[in-house]
């Protein structure tokens, strides 16, 4: 199922539902390396926002796949999601609220910072 081109964000609860349904999704974490030590979502690709423009080629195999980009609160990942769309990625969503939203709505044990 394609995430669609109209929608630009996904809530933590929607993402959890899709992950539970084993939907094929690419998770892209654009936070800094030290943030990964605090918390992270399983099976995510990590490319810090500041490196995305030079490392976007690493995502070439995922250009037609459903990608969910996330950061701490959704700001950086929103910019990165826009960048990916502008560079031909077909189905990219920003995780609304980032890891803070995930912690609040899905997994309260995930540390907030």
PDB file of N, CA and C in Angstrom:
ATOM      1  N   UNK A   1       0.843  -1.177   0.000  1.00  0.00           N
ATOM      2  CA  UNK A   1       0.000   0.000   0.000  1.00  0.00           C
ATOM      3  C   UNK A   1       0.888   1.239   0.000  1.00  0.00           C
ATOM      4  N   UNK A   2       0.713   2.081  -0.945  1.00  0.00           N
ATOM      5  CA  UNK A   2       1.484   3.307  -1.033  1.00  0.00           C
ATOM      6  C   UNK A   2       0.943   4.298  -0.014  1.00  0.00           C
ATOM      7  N   UNK A   3       1.845   4.977   0.675  1.00  0.00           N
ATOM      8  CA  UNK A   3       1.420   5.935   1.688  1.00  0.00           C
ATOM      9  C   UNK A   3       0.764   7.154   1.068  1.00  0.00           C
ATOM     10  N   UNK A   4       0.963   7.358  -0.205  1.00  0.00           N
ATOM     11  CA  UNK A   4       0.286   8.443  -0.900  1.00  0.00           C
ATOM     12  C   UNK A   4       1.124   9.691  -0.997  1.00  0.00           C
ATOM     13  N   UNK A   5       0.788  10.512  -1.970  1.00  0.00           N
ATOM     14  CA  UNK A   5       1.518  11.744  -2.178  1.00  0.00           C
ATOM     15  C   UNK A   5       0.800  12.927  -1.557  1.00  0.00           C
ATOM     16  N   UNK A   6      -0.480  12.791  -1.232  1.00  0.00           N
ATOM     17  CA  UNK A   6      -1.245  13.892  -0.651  1.00  0.00           C
ATOM     18  C   UNK A   6      -0.858  14.124   0.809  1.00  0.00           C
ATOM     19  N   UNK A   7      -0.766  13.065   1.555  1.00  0.00           N
ATOM     20  CA  UNK A   7      -0.482  13.141   2.977  1.00  0.00           C
ATOM     21  C   UNK A   7       1.018  13.324   3.188  1.00  0.00           C
ATOM     22  N   UNK A   8       1.394  14.186   4.141  1.00  0.00           N
ATOM     23  CA  UNK A   8       2.816  14.419   4.384  1.00  0.00           C
ATOM     24  C   UNK A   8       3.258  13.968   5.767  1.00  0.00           C
ATOM     25  N   UNK A   9       2.311  13.643   6.664  1.00  0.00           N
ATOM     26  CA  UNK A   9       2.667  13.216   8.007  1.00  0.00           C
ATOM     27  C   UNK A   9       1.893  11.969   8.417  1.00  0.00           C
ATOM     28  N   UNK A  10       2.449  11.279   9.391  1.00  0.00           N
ATOM     29  CA  UNK A  10       1.811  10.109   9.968  1.00  0.00           C
ATOM     30  C   UNK A  10       1.941  10.238  11.485  1.00  0.00           C
ATOM     31  N   UNK A  11       0.894   9.882  12.213  1.00  0.00           N
ATOM     32  CA  UNK A  11       0.965   9.926  13.666  1.00  0.00           C
ATOM     33  C   UNK A  11       1.681   8.682  14.179  1.00  0.00           C
ATOM     34  N   UNK A  12       2.129   8.753  15.409  1.00  0.00           N
ATOM     35  CA  UNK A  12       2.783   7.608  16.028  1.00  0.00           C
ATOM     36  C   UNK A  12       1.830   6.408  16.084  1.00  0.00           C
ATOM     37  N   UNK A  13       0.558   6.653  16.396  1.00  0.00           N
ATOM     38  CA  UNK A  13      -0.403   5.547  16.467  1.00  0.00           C
ATOM     39  C   UNK A  13      -0.636   4.915  15.099  1.00  0.00           C
ATOM     40  N   UNK A  14      -0.697   5.747  14.050  1.00  0.00           N
ATOM     41  CA  UNK A  14      -0.852   5.199  12.694  1.00  0.00           C
ATOM     42  C   UNK A  14       0.373   4.368  12.307  1.00  0.00           C
ATOM     43  N   UNK A  15       1.556   4.872  12.638  1.00  0.00           N
ATOM     44  CA  UNK A  15       2.781   4.142  12.329  1.00  0.00           C
ATOM     45  C   UNK A  15       2.813   2.818  13.070  1.00  0.00           C
ATOM     46  N   UNK A  16       2.469   2.824  14.351  1.00  0.00           N
ATOM     47  CA  UNK A  16       2.452   1.595  15.144  1.00  0.00           C
ATOM     48  C   UNK A  16       1.499   0.572  14.528  1.00  0.00           C
ATOM     49  N   UNK A  17       0.341   1.025  14.101  1.00  0.00           N
ATOM     50  CA  UNK A  17      -0.638   0.122  13.476  1.00  0.00           C
ATOM     51  C   UNK A  17      -0.065  -0.496  12.207  1.00  0.00           C
ATOM     52  N   UNK A  18       0.602   0.291  11.388  1.00  0.00           N
ATOM     53  CA  UNK A  18       1.179  -0.219  10.146  1.00  0.00           C
ATOM     54  C   UNK A  18       2.346  -1.165  10.414  1.00  0.00           C
ATOM     55  N   UNK A  19       3.155  -0.845  11.421  1.00  0.00           N
ATOM     56  CA  UNK A  19       4.258  -1.742  11.781  1.00  0.00           C
ATOM     57  C   UNK A  19       3.716  -3.060  12.326  1.00  0.00           C
ATOM     58  N   UNK A  20       2.696  -2.994  13.157  1.00  0.00           N
ATOM     59  CA  UNK A  20       2.078  -4.213  13.708  1.00  0.00           C
ATOM     60  C   UNK A  20       1.481  -5.082  12.604  1.00  0.00           C
ATOM     61  N   UNK A  21       1.002  -4.431  11.532  1.00  0.00           N
ATOM     62  CA  UNK A  21       0.421  -5.162  10.405  1.00  0.00           C
ATOM     63  C   UNK A  21       1.511  -5.687   9.464  1.00  0.00           C
ATOM     64  N   UNK A  22       2.771  -5.487   9.840  1.00  0.00           N
ATOM     65  CA  UNK A  22       3.929  -5.953   9.056  1.00  0.00           C
ATOM     66  C   UNK A  22       3.994  -5.292   7.684  1.00  0.00           C
ATOM     67  N   UNK A  23       3.463  -4.079   7.592  1.00  0.00           N
ATOM     68  CA  UNK A  23       3.552  -3.324   6.344  1.00  0.00           C
ATOM     69  C   UNK A  23       5.020  -2.995   6.079  1.00  0.00           C
ATOM     70  N   UNK A  24       5.416  -3.082   4.828  1.00  0.00           N
ATOM     71  CA  UNK A  24       6.811  -2.799   4.480  1.00  0.00           C
ATOM     72  C   UNK A  24       7.018  -1.284   4.505  1.00  0.00           C
ATOM     73  N   UNK A  25       7.798  -0.844   5.484  1.00  0.00           N
ATOM     74  CA  UNK A  25       8.104   0.568   5.650  1.00  0.00           C
ATOM     75  C   UNK A  25       9.602   0.728   5.864  1.00  0.00           C
ATOM     76  N   UNK A  26      10.147   1.791   5.337  1.00  0.00           N
ATOM     77  CA  UNK A  26      11.533   2.152   5.606  1.00  0.00           C
ATOM     78  C   UNK A  26      11.496   3.279   6.628  1.00  0.00           C
ATOM     79  N   UNK A  27      12.108   3.064   7.790  1.00  0.00           N
ATOM     80  CA  UNK A  27      12.204   4.098   8.806  1.00  0.00           C
ATOM     81  C   UNK A  27      13.551   4.790   8.650  1.00  0.00           C
ATOM     82  N   UNK A  28      13.522   6.104   8.585  1.00  0.00           N
ATOM     83  CA  UNK A  28      14.746   6.891   8.434  1.00  0.00           C
ATOM     84  C   UNK A  28      14.877   7.836   9.620  1.00  0.00           C
ATOM     85  N   UNK A  29      15.882   7.611  10.420  1.00  0.00           N
ATOM     86  CA  UNK A  29      16.175   8.424  11.602  1.00  0.00           C
ATOM     87  C   UNK A  29      17.197   9.480  11.202  1.00  0.00           C
ATOM     88  N   UNK A  30      16.832  10.765  11.305  1.00  0.00           N
ATOM     89  CA  UNK A  30      17.731  11.840  10.876  1.00  0.00           C
ATOM     90  C   UNK A  30      18.330  12.589  12.078  1.00  0.00           C
ATOM     91  N   UNK A  31      18.296  11.983  13.245  1.00  0.00           N
ATOM     92  CA  UNK A  31      18.870  12.600  14.436  1.00  0.00           C
ATOM     93  C   UNK A  31      20.386  12.413  14.465  1.00  0.00           C
ATOM     94  N   UNK A  32      21.017  13.100  15.385  1.00  0.00           N
ATOM     95  CA  UNK A  32      22.462  13.012  15.559  1.00  0.00           C
ATOM     96  C   UNK A  32      22.840  11.714  16.276  1.00  0.00           C
ATOM     97  N   UNK A  33      24.074  11.225  16.075  1.00  0.00           N
ATOM     98  CA  UNK A  33      24.481   9.959  16.701  1.00  0.00           C
ATOM     99  C   UNK A  33      24.278   9.912  18.218  1.00  0.00           C
ATOM    100  N   UNK A  34      24.542  10.990  18.923  1.00  0.00           N
ATOM    101  CA  UNK A  34      24.377  10.968  20.386  1.00  0.00           C
ATOM    102  C   UNK A  34      22.914  10.784  20.781  1.00  0.00           C
ATOM    103  N   UNK A  35      21.983  11.171  19.914  1.00  0.00           N
ATOM    104  CA  UNK A  35      20.564  10.990  20.218  1.00  0.00           C
ATOM    105  C   UNK A  35      20.162   9.523  20.140  1.00  0.00           C
ATOM    106  N   UNK A  36      20.848   8.753  19.300  1.00  0.00           N
ATOM    107  CA  UNK A  36      20.555   7.320  19.185  1.00  0.00           C
ATOM    108  C   UNK A  36      20.852   6.586  20.488  1.00  0.00           C
ATOM    109  N   UNK A  37      21.815   7.126  21.256  1.00  0.00           N
ATOM    110  CA  UNK A  37      22.170   6.503  22.527  1.00  0.00           C
ATOM    111  C   UNK A  37      21.042   6.660  23.553  1.00  0.00           C
ATOM    112  N   UNK A  38      20.171   7.642  23.353  1.00  0.00           N
ATOM    113  CA  UNK A  38      19.070   7.903  24.285  1.00  0.00           C
ATOM    114  C   UNK A  38      17.874   7.012  23.964  1.00  0.00           C
ATOM    115  N   UNK A  39      17.497   6.961  22.684  1.00  0.00           N
ATOM    116  CA  UNK A  39      16.365   6.144  22.267  1.00  0.00           C
ATOM    117  C   UNK A  39      16.381   5.995  20.752  1.00  0.00           C
ATOM    118  N   UNK A  40      15.700   4.966  20.263  1.00  0.00           N
ATOM    119  CA  UNK A  40      15.583   4.764  18.820  1.00  0.00           C
ATOM    120  C   UNK A  40      14.475   3.769  18.537  1.00  0.00           C
ATOM    121  N   UNK A  41      14.009   3.795  17.291  1.00  0.00           N
ATOM    122  CA  UNK A  41      13.040   2.810  16.826  1.00  0.00           C
ATOM    123  C   UNK A  41      13.810   1.683  16.145  1.00  0.00           C
ATOM    124  N   UNK A  42      13.347   0.467  16.318  1.00  0.00           N
ATOM    125  CA  UNK A  42      14.027  -0.693  15.738  1.00  0.00           C
ATOM    126  C   UNK A  42      14.055  -0.644  14.217  1.00  0.00           C
ATOM    127  N   UNK A  43      15.122  -1.142  13.656  1.00  0.00           N
ATOM    128  CA  UNK A  43      15.283  -1.351  12.219  1.00  0.00           C
ATOM    129  C   UNK A  43      15.284  -0.073  11.385  1.00  0.00           C
ATOM    130  N   UNK A  44      15.677   1.038  11.979  1.00  0.00           N
ATOM    131  CA  UNK A  44      15.720   2.294  11.232  1.00  0.00           C
ATOM    132  C   UNK A  44      17.091   2.473  10.583  1.00  0.00           C
ATOM    133  N   UNK A  45      17.083   3.131   9.442  1.00  0.00           N
ATOM    134  CA  UNK A  45      18.312   3.574   8.787  1.00  0.00           C
ATOM    135  C   UNK A  45      18.669   4.911   9.437  1.00  0.00           C
ATOM    136  N   UNK A  46      19.931   5.104   9.746  1.00  0.00           N
ATOM    137  CA  UNK A  46      20.342   6.354  10.389  1.00  0.00           C
ATOM    138  C   UNK A  46      21.217   7.177   9.452  1.00  0.00           C
ATOM    139  N   UNK A  47      20.709   8.340   9.076  1.00  0.00           N
ATOM    140  CA  UNK A  47      21.484   9.331   8.330  1.00  0.00           C
ATOM    141  C   UNK A  47      21.163  10.689   8.954  1.00  0.00           C
ATOM    142  N   UNK A  48      22.107  11.286   9.679  1.00  0.00           N
ATOM    143  CA  UNK A  48      21.830  12.585  10.296  1.00  0.00           C
ATOM    144  C   UNK A  48      21.421  13.626   9.258  1.00  0.00           C
ATOM    145  N   UNK A  49      20.541  14.528   9.663  1.00  0.00           N
ATOM    146  CA  UNK A  49      20.019  15.553   8.757  1.00  0.00           C
ATOM    147  C   UNK A  49      21.140  16.270   8.009  1.00  0.00           C
ATOM    148  N   UNK A  50      22.190  16.638   8.693  1.00  0.00           N
ATOM    149  CA  UNK A  50      23.278  17.376   8.081  1.00  0.00           C
ATOM    150  C   UNK A  50      24.046  16.599   7.022  1.00  0.00           C
ATOM    151  N   UNK A  51      23.861  15.287   6.986  1.00  0.00           N
ATOM    152  CA  UNK A  51      24.553  14.440   6.015  1.00  0.00           C
ATOM    153  C   UNK A  51      23.632  13.945   4.901  1.00  0.00           C
ATOM    154  N   UNK A  52      22.349  14.222   5.015  1.00  0.00           N
ATOM    155  CA  UNK A  52      21.382  13.645   4.077  1.00  0.00           C
ATOM    156  C   UNK A  52      21.661  14.025   2.626  1.00  0.00           C
ATOM    157  N   UNK A  53      21.970  15.288   2.366  1.00  0.00           N
ATOM    158  CA  UNK A  53      22.195  15.727   0.986  1.00  0.00           C
ATOM    159  C   UNK A  53      23.352  14.977   0.335  1.00  0.00           C
ATOM    160  N   UNK A  54      24.395  14.691   1.103  1.00  0.00           N
ATOM    161  CA  UNK A  54      25.551  14.002   0.527  1.00  0.00           C
ATOM    162  C   UNK A  54      25.403  12.479   0.560  1.00  0.00           C
ATOM    163  N   UNK A  55      24.489  11.974   1.388  1.00  0.00           N
ATOM    164  CA  UNK A  55      24.322  10.520   1.517  1.00  0.00           C
ATOM    165  C   UNK A  55      23.009  10.004   0.938  1.00  0.00           C
ATOM    166  N   UNK A  56      22.252  10.863   0.261  1.00  0.00           N
ATOM    167  CA  UNK A  56      20.942  10.471  -0.258  1.00  0.00           C
ATOM    168  C   UNK A  56      21.044   9.259  -1.183  1.00  0.00           C
ATOM    169  N   UNK A  57      22.169   9.089  -1.837  1.00  0.00           N
ATOM    170  CA  UNK A  57      22.369   7.930  -2.710  1.00  0.00           C
ATOM    171  C   UNK A  57      22.235   6.609  -1.988  1.00  0.00           C
ATOM    172  N   UNK A  58      22.489   6.600  -0.684  1.00  0.00           N
ATOM    173  CA  UNK A  58      22.349   5.376   0.103  1.00  0.00           C
ATOM    174  C   UNK A  58      20.896   4.909   0.176  1.00  0.00           C
ATOM    175  N   UNK A  59      19.984   5.813  -0.145  1.00  0.00           N
ATOM    176  CA  UNK A  59      18.554   5.484  -0.100  1.00  0.00           C
ATOM    177  C   UNK A  59      17.977   5.172  -1.481  1.00  0.00           C
ATOM    178  N   UNK A  60      18.816   5.164  -2.505  1.00  0.00           N
ATOM    179  CA  UNK A  60      18.344   4.997  -3.884  1.00  0.00           C
ATOM    180  C   UNK A  60      17.486   3.744  -4.063  1.00  0.00           C
ATOM    181  N   UNK A  61      17.832   2.667  -3.394  1.00  0.00           N
ATOM    182  CA  UNK A  61      17.058   1.428  -3.521  1.00  0.00           C
ATOM    183  C   UNK A  61      15.659   1.547  -2.924  1.00  0.00           C
ATOM    184  N   UNK A  62      15.413   2.599  -2.161  1.00  0.00           N
ATOM    185  CA  UNK A  62      14.123   2.785  -1.488  1.00  0.00           C
ATOM    186  C   UNK A  62      13.277   3.877  -2.133  1.00  0.00           C
ATOM    187  N   UNK A  63      13.665   4.338  -3.322  1.00  0.00           N
ATOM    188  CA  UNK A  63      13.016   5.490  -3.945  1.00  0.00           C
ATOM    189  C   UNK A  63      11.514   5.291  -4.180  1.00  0.00           C
ATOM    190  N   UNK A  64      11.089   4.061  -4.416  1.00  0.00           N
ATOM    191  CA  UNK A  64       9.672   3.800  -4.666  1.00  0.00           C
ATOM    192  C   UNK A  64       8.980   3.150  -3.462  1.00  0.00           C
ATOM    193  N   UNK A  65       9.705   3.012  -2.366  1.00  0.00           N
ATOM    194  CA  UNK A  65       9.132   2.378  -1.175  1.00  0.00           C
ATOM    195  C   UNK A  65       8.526   3.431  -0.244  1.00  0.00           C
ATOM    196  N   UNK A  66       7.776   2.967   0.726  1.00  0.00           N
ATOM    197  CA  UNK A  66       7.163   3.838   1.725  1.00  0.00           C
ATOM    198  C   UNK A  66       8.198   4.171   2.791  1.00  0.00           C
ATOM    199  N   UNK A  67       8.525   5.454   2.923  1.00  0.00           N
ATOM    200  CA  UNK A  67       9.539   5.907   3.872  1.00  0.00           C
ATOM    201  C   UNK A  67       8.877   6.781   4.934  1.00  0.00           C
ATOM    202  N   UNK A  68       9.202   6.522   6.201  1.00  0.00           N
ATOM    203  CA  UNK A  68       8.771   7.366   7.309  1.00  0.00           C
ATOM    204  C   UNK A  68      10.036   7.944   7.934  1.00  0.00           C
ATOM    205  N   UNK A  69      10.129   9.270   7.922  1.00  0.00           N
ATOM    206  CA  UNK A  69      11.295   9.973   8.451  1.00  0.00           C
ATOM    207  C   UNK A  69      10.961  10.482   9.849  1.00  0.00           C
ATOM    208  N   UNK A  70      11.927  10.349  10.770  1.00  0.00           N
ATOM    209  CA  UNK A  70      11.666  10.857  12.115  1.00  0.00           C
ATOM    210  C   UNK A  70      12.902  11.459  12.755  1.00  0.00           C
ATOM    211  N   UNK A  71      12.627  12.327  13.737  1.00  0.00           N
ATOM    212  CA  UNK A  71      13.659  12.937  14.566  1.00  0.00           C
ATOM    213  C   UNK A  71      13.097  13.006  15.986  1.00  0.00           C
ATOM    214  N   UNK A  72      13.538  13.955  16.786  1.00  0.00           N
ATOM    215  CA  UNK A  72      13.052  14.063  18.164  1.00  0.00           C
ATOM    216  C   UNK A  72      11.625  14.578  18.229  1.00  0.00           C
ATOM    217  N   UNK A  73      11.334  15.661  17.481  1.00  0.00           N
ATOM    218  CA  UNK A  73      10.009  16.275  17.609  1.00  0.00           C
ATOM    219  C   UNK A  73       9.273  16.468  16.285  1.00  0.00           C
ATOM    220  N   UNK A  74       9.916  16.176  15.181  1.00  0.00           N
ATOM    221  CA  UNK A  74       9.245  16.259  13.881  1.00  0.00           C
ATOM    222  C   UNK A  74       9.686  17.402  12.990  1.00  0.00           C
ATOM    223  N   UNK A  75      10.449  18.353  13.510  1.00  0.00           N
ATOM    224  CA  UNK A  75      10.886  19.492  12.704  1.00  0.00           C
ATOM    225  C   UNK A  75      11.956  19.142  11.690  1.00  0.00           C
ATOM    226  N   UNK A  76      13.050  18.584  12.169  1.00  0.00           N
ATOM    227  CA  UNK A  76      14.139  18.197  11.254  1.00  0.00           C
ATOM    228  C   UNK A  76      13.666  17.164  10.250  1.00  0.00           C
ATOM    229  N   UNK A  77      12.920  16.193  10.737  1.00  0.00           N
ATOM    230  CA  UNK A  77      12.461  15.132   9.841  1.00  0.00           C
ATOM    231  C   UNK A  77      11.486  15.664   8.797  1.00  0.00           C
ATOM    232  N   UNK A  78      10.699  16.685   9.150  1.00  0.00           N
ATOM    233  CA  UNK A  78       9.809  17.305   8.163  1.00  0.00           C
ATOM    234  C   UNK A  78      10.605  17.922   7.028  1.00  0.00           C
ATOM    235  N   UNK A  79      11.688  18.610   7.362  1.00  0.00           N
ATOM    236  CA  UNK A  79      12.561  19.184   6.334  1.00  0.00           C
ATOM    237  C   UNK A  79      13.193  18.100   5.475  1.00  0.00           C
ATOM    238  N   UNK A  80      13.621  17.022   6.115  1.00  0.00           N
ATOM    239  CA  UNK A  80      14.247  15.928   5.375  1.00  0.00           C
ATOM    240  C   UNK A  80      13.235  15.213   4.478  1.00  0.00           C
ATOM    241  N   UNK A  81      12.014  15.051   4.957  1.00  0.00           N
ATOM    242  CA  UNK A  81      10.970  14.427   4.143  1.00  0.00           C
ATOM    243  C   UNK A  81      10.709  15.264   2.897  1.00  0.00           C
ATOM    244  N   UNK A  82      10.645  16.589   3.059  1.00  0.00           N
ATOM    245  CA  UNK A  82      10.467  17.474   1.906  1.00  0.00           C
ATOM    246  C   UNK A  82      11.626  17.339   0.934  1.00  0.00           C
ATOM    247  N   UNK A  83      12.843  17.294   1.452  1.00  0.00           N
ATOM    248  CA  UNK A  83      14.026  17.126   0.614  1.00  0.00           C
ATOM    249  C   UNK A  83      13.936  15.834  -0.211  1.00  0.00           C
ATOM    250  N   UNK A  84      13.544  14.756   0.436  1.00  0.00           N
ATOM    251  CA  UNK A  84      13.436  13.472  -0.280  1.00  0.00           C
ATOM    252  C   UNK A  84      12.375  13.547  -1.369  1.00  0.00           C
ATOM    253  N   UNK A  85      11.229  14.142  -1.069  1.00  0.00           N
ATOM    254  CA  UNK A  85      10.178  14.279  -2.084  1.00  0.00           C
ATOM    255  C   UNK A  85      10.680  15.094  -3.273  1.00  0.00           C
ATOM    256  N   UNK A  86      11.402  16.168  -2.992  1.00  0.00           N
ATOM    257  CA  UNK A  86      11.936  17.020  -4.055  1.00  0.00           C
ATOM    258  C   UNK A  86      12.998  16.302  -4.882  1.00  0.00           C
ATOM    259  N   UNK A  87      13.545  15.226  -4.334  1.00  0.00           N
ATOM    260  CA  UNK A  87      14.573  14.465  -5.034  1.00  0.00           C
ATOM    261  C   UNK A  87      14.044  13.139  -5.572  1.00  0.00           C
ATOM    262  N   UNK A  88      12.737  13.087  -5.817  1.00  0.00           N
ATOM    263  CA  UNK A  88      12.160  11.969  -6.540  1.00  0.00           C
ATOM    264  C   UNK A  88      11.686  10.789  -5.720  1.00  0.00           C
ATOM    265  N   UNK A  89      11.733  10.884  -4.400  1.00  0.00           N
ATOM    266  CA  UNK A  89      11.211   9.795  -3.583  1.00  0.00           C
ATOM    267  C   UNK A  89       9.693   9.913  -3.588  1.00  0.00           C
ATOM    268  N   UNK A  90       9.028   8.798  -3.873  1.00  0.00           N
ATOM    269  CA  UNK A  90       7.612   8.837  -4.209  1.00  0.00           C
ATOM    270  C   UNK A  90       6.658   8.827  -3.026  1.00  0.00           C
ATOM    271  N   UNK A  91       7.047   8.227  -1.924  1.00  0.00           N
ATOM    272  CA  UNK A  91       6.113   8.059  -0.811  1.00  0.00           C
ATOM    273  C   UNK A  91       6.846   8.272   0.504  1.00  0.00           C
ATOM    274  N   UNK A  92       6.865   9.527   0.958  1.00  0.00           N
ATOM    275  CA  UNK A  92       7.618   9.895   2.151  1.00  0.00           C
ATOM    276  C   UNK A  92       6.698  10.609   3.136  1.00  0.00           C
ATOM    277  N   UNK A  93       6.694  10.129   4.373  1.00  0.00           N
ATOM    278  CA  UNK A  93       5.912  10.761   5.431  1.00  0.00           C
ATOM    279  C   UNK A  93       6.825  11.144   6.590  1.00  0.00           C
ATOM    280  N   UNK A  94       6.467  12.229   7.254  1.00  0.00           N
ATOM    281  CA  UNK A  94       7.145  12.674   8.454  1.00  0.00           C
ATOM    282  C   UNK A  94       6.392  12.124   9.664  1.00  0.00           C
ATOM    283  N   UNK A  95       7.131  11.588  10.644  1.00  0.00           N
ATOM    284  CA  UNK A  95       6.495  11.123  11.877  1.00  0.00           C
ATOM    285  C   UNK A  95       6.153  12.335  12.730  1.00  0.00           C
ATOM    286  N   UNK A  96       4.884  12.627  12.824  1.00  0.00           N
ATOM    287  CA  UNK A  96       4.378  13.765  13.590  1.00  0.00           C
ATOM    288  C   UNK A  96       4.787  13.616  15.059  1.00  0.00           C
ATOM    289  N   UNK A  97       5.494  14.609  15.567  1.00  0.00           N
ATOM    290  CA  UNK A  97       5.916  14.569  16.972  1.00  0.00           C
ATOM    291  C   UNK A  97       7.184  13.783  17.224  1.00  0.00           C
ATOM    292  N   UNK A  98       7.724  13.109  16.209  1.00  0.00           N
ATOM    293  CA  UNK A  98       8.980  12.377  16.343  1.00  0.00           C
ATOM    294  C   UNK A  98       8.979  11.367  17.471  1.00  0.00           C
ATOM    295  N   UNK A  99      10.161  11.175  18.079  1.00  0.00           N
ATOM    296  CA  UNK A  99      10.251  10.205  19.171  1.00  0.00           C
ATOM    297  C   UNK A  99       9.458  10.676  20.392  1.00  0.00           C
ATOM    298  N   UNK A 100       9.282  11.983  20.531  1.00  0.00           N
ATOM    299  CA  UNK A 100       8.451  12.479  21.637  1.00  0.00           C
ATOM    300  C   UNK A 100       7.004  12.017  21.472  1.00  0.00           C
ATOM    301  N   UNK A 101       6.500  12.070  20.243  1.00  0.00           N
ATOM    302  CA  UNK A 101       5.152  11.589  19.961  1.00  0.00           C
ATOM    303  C   UNK A 101       5.031  10.093  20.156  1.00  0.00           C
ATOM    304  N   UNK A 102       6.072   9.365  19.749  1.00  0.00           N
ATOM    305  CA  UNK A 102       6.085   7.906  19.923  1.00  0.00           C
ATOM    306  C   UNK A 102       6.027   7.581  21.417  1.00  0.00           C
ATOM    307  N   UNK A 103       6.837   8.277  22.212  1.00  0.00           N
ATOM    308  CA  UNK A 103       6.861   8.054  23.651  1.00  0.00           C
ATOM    309  C   UNK A 103       5.513   8.387  24.287  1.00  0.00           C
ATOM    310  N   UNK A 104       4.906   9.481  23.858  1.00  0.00           N
ATOM    311  CA  UNK A 104       3.638   9.919  24.441  1.00  0.00           C
ATOM    312  C   UNK A 104       2.473   9.008  24.079  1.00  0.00           C
ATOM    313  N   UNK A 105       2.442   8.522  22.831  1.00  0.00           N
ATOM    314  CA  UNK A 105       1.257   7.815  22.330  1.00  0.00           C
ATOM    315  C   UNK A 105       1.403   6.306  22.193  1.00  0.00           C
ATOM    316  N   UNK A 106       2.650   5.805  22.102  1.00  0.00           N
ATOM    317  CA  UNK A 106       2.844   4.383  21.822  1.00  0.00           C
ATOM    318  C   UNK A 106       3.629   3.669  22.925  1.00  0.00           C
ATOM    319  N   UNK A 107       4.783   4.217  23.274  1.00  0.00           N
ATOM    320  CA  UNK A 107       5.685   3.527  24.208  1.00  0.00           C
ATOM    321  C   UNK A 107       6.195   4.498  25.272  1.00  0.00           C
ATOM    322  N   UNK A 108       5.475   4.616  26.394  1.00  0.00           N
ATOM    323  CA  UNK A 108       5.881   5.553  27.437  1.00  0.00           C
ATOM    324  C   UNK A 108       7.245   5.239  28.048  1.00  0.00           C
ATOM    325  N   UNK A 109       7.765   4.025  27.808  1.00  0.00           N
ATOM    326  CA  UNK A 109       9.088   3.685  28.358  1.00  0.00           C
ATOM    327  C   UNK A 109      10.213   4.311  27.521  1.00  0.00           C
ATOM    328  N   UNK A 110       9.887   4.829  26.330  1.00  0.00           N
ATOM    329  CA  UNK A 110      10.917   5.479  25.509  1.00  0.00           C
ATOM    330  C   UNK A 110      11.297   6.799  26.174  1.00  0.00           C
ATOM    331  N   UNK A 111      12.591   6.984  26.461  1.00  0.00           N
ATOM    332  CA  UNK A 111      13.007   8.223  27.130  1.00  0.00           C
ATOM    333  C   UNK A 111      12.706   9.467  26.297  1.00  0.00           C
ATOM    334  N   UNK A 112      12.290  10.523  26.981  1.00  0.00           N
ATOM    335  CA  UNK A 112      12.104  11.821  26.346  1.00  0.00           C
ATOM    336  C   UNK A 112      13.327  12.656  26.689  1.00  0.00           C
ATOM    337  N   UNK A 113      13.736  13.478  25.759  1.00  0.00           N
ATOM    338  CA  UNK A 113      14.897  14.352  26.006  1.00  0.00           C
ATOM    339  C   UNK A 113      14.701  15.668  25.303  1.00  0.00           C
TER     340      UNK A 113
END
